[in-house]
Amino acid sequence: MSSVRLIALNAAGGAAVTVLSSIPARRAEIIEDGSISVPTGLIYTSMKDGFKTTFQVAPQTEPIILQNSVAVGNNQGPLLGLPQQNSAGAFNFRAADPLLKATSATAATTAIRVTEDE
């Protein structure tokens, strides 16, 4: 099963938008969406190193791929993240796992396309 969604990002200097897992994801691919009028590029941090290192990619040139290639079990990599479990306030509530935090690389806003695969 896959999940594809568009997420609006703030301009550079604004608050980073956190991309949360929407399915039990083993792989995620993020790229600036072509629906925007002027591509801007992205500034981002990812869960791969605990959101420590800031990276920048040029407009729509390369997708950001998050995955763990080490196969376990049924020749599948371990999960990157899980979606929210149950309702906030419930005794067994669990928040969704963050995958990426990003903004536009310029003063213009942009949008990203996030594709998650189980």
Protein backbone atom coordinates (compact mmCIF):
# COMPACT_ATOMS: atom_id res chain seq x y z
CA MET A 1 0.00 0.00 0.00
CA SER A 2 1.20 3.53 -0.75
CA SER A 3 0.25 6.99 0.36
CA VAL A 4 0.79 10.08 -1.81
CA ARG A 5 0.05 13.60 -0.59
CA LEU A 6 0.95 17.23 -1.22
CA ILE A 7 2.16 19.37 1.67
CA ALA A 8 2.56 23.16 1.56
CA LEU A 9 5.85 24.53 2.90
CA ASN A 10 6.68 27.89 4.40
CA ALA A 11 9.19 30.26 2.83
CA ALA A 12 12.83 30.19 3.92
CA GLY A 13 13.24 31.71 7.36
CA GLY A 14 9.75 30.59 8.37
CA ALA A 15 8.91 27.69 10.63
CA ALA A 16 9.89 24.30 9.28
CA VAL A 17 6.90 22.14 8.37
CA THR A 18 7.05 18.68 9.94
CA VAL A 19 6.09 15.80 7.65
CA LEU A 20 4.54 13.01 9.73
CA SER A 21 4.19 9.37 8.76
CA SER A 22 0.67 8.64 7.51
CA ILE A 23 1.07 4.86 7.12
CA PRO A 24 3.45 2.23 8.56
CA ALA A 25 6.17 3.38 6.16
CA ARG A 26 9.31 1.47 5.18
CA ARG A 27 10.27 4.00 2.48
CA ALA A 28 9.46 7.63 1.81
CA GLU A 29 10.24 9.74 -1.25
CA ILE A 30 9.90 13.53 -1.08
CA ILE A 31 10.27 15.95 -4.00
CA GLU A 32 9.19 19.49 -4.74
CA ASP A 33 5.91 19.22 -6.63
CA GLY A 34 5.63 20.47 -10.21
CA SER A 35 2.27 22.13 -9.52
CA ILE A 36 3.94 25.30 -8.21
CA SER A 37 4.62 28.12 -10.64
CA VAL A 38 8.27 28.78 -9.73
CA PRO A 39 10.34 25.95 -8.23
CA THR A 40 12.39 27.07 -5.23
CA GLY A 41 14.35 24.11 -3.89
CA LEU A 42 14.16 22.79 -0.34
CA ILE A 43 15.97 23.18 2.96
CA TYR A 44 15.41 20.16 5.20
CA THR A 45 16.44 17.95 8.10
CA SER A 46 15.45 14.30 8.38
CA MET A 47 14.94 11.52 10.88
CA LYS A 48 17.98 9.69 9.48
CA ASP A 49 20.34 11.60 11.79
CA GLY A 50 17.87 12.80 14.40
CA PHE A 51 17.14 16.12 12.60
CA LYS A 52 20.68 17.40 13.30
CA THR A 53 22.12 18.18 9.85
CA THR A 54 20.52 20.72 7.51
CA PHE A 55 20.56 19.90 3.80
CA GLN A 56 19.51 21.82 0.70
CA VAL A 57 18.40 20.47 -2.68
CA ALA A 58 17.96 22.34 -5.95
CA PRO A 59 14.47 22.78 -7.42
CA GLN A 60 12.87 19.51 -8.58
CA THR A 61 16.19 17.83 -9.38
CA GLU A 62 16.39 14.90 -7.02
CA PRO A 63 13.97 13.24 -4.64
CA ILE A 64 14.83 12.90 -0.98
CA ILE A 65 14.63 9.17 -0.28
CA LEU A 66 14.30 7.90 3.26
CA GLN A 67 14.67 4.16 3.72
CA ASN A 68 16.62 1.56 5.62
CA SER A 69 17.99 -0.92 3.09
CA VAL A 70 18.82 -3.60 5.64
CA ALA A 71 16.35 -6.42 5.06
CA VAL A 72 14.73 -8.15 8.01
CA GLY A 73 12.00 -10.73 8.22
CA ASN A 74 10.24 -11.03 4.87
CA ASN A 75 13.09 -9.30 2.97
CA GLN A 76 11.69 -5.94 4.00
CA GLY A 77 13.49 -3.10 5.73
CA PRO A 78 12.41 -1.94 9.17
CA LEU A 79 9.71 0.71 9.56
CA LEU A 80 10.70 4.37 9.33
CA GLY A 81 7.62 5.51 11.17
CA LEU A 82 4.04 4.87 12.13
CA PRO A 83 0.93 7.04 11.84
CA GLN A 84 -0.98 8.35 14.84
CA GLN A 85 -2.49 5.58 16.94
CA ASN A 86 -5.87 6.19 18.62
CA SER A 87 -7.29 9.58 19.70
CA ALA A 88 -5.43 12.25 21.63
CA GLY A 89 -6.19 11.88 25.31
CA ALA A 90 -6.78 8.12 25.09
CA PHE A 91 -4.70 5.96 27.43
CA ASN A 92 -3.07 4.24 24.45
CA PHE A 93 -2.50 7.34 22.28
CA ARG A 94 0.69 7.43 20.20
CA ALA A 95 1.66 10.42 18.08
CA ALA A 96 2.73 9.97 14.45
CA ASP A 97 6.47 9.72 13.81
CA PRO A 98 8.15 12.70 12.10
CA LEU A 99 10.01 11.87 8.89
CA LEU A 100 11.21 15.26 7.65
CA LYS A 101 11.17 18.96 8.54
CA ALA A 102 11.40 21.33 5.58
CA THR A 103 10.97 24.85 4.21
CA SER A 104 11.37 26.46 0.82
CA ALA A 105 14.92 27.50 -0.08
CA THR A 106 13.77 31.01 -1.10
CA ALA A 107 11.39 33.73 0.06
CA ALA A 108 8.55 32.05 -1.90
CA THR A 109 6.41 29.26 -0.53
CA THR A 110 6.39 25.86 -2.22
CA ALA A 111 4.82 22.40 -1.99
CA ILE A 112 6.26 18.91 -1.73
CA ARG A 113 4.90 15.57 -2.89
CA VAL A 114 5.39 12.85 -0.27
CA THR A 115 5.11 9.21 -1.33
CA GLU A 116 5.22 6.63 1.45
CA ASP A 117 5.39 2.87 0.86
CA GLU A 118 4.81 0.03 3.27
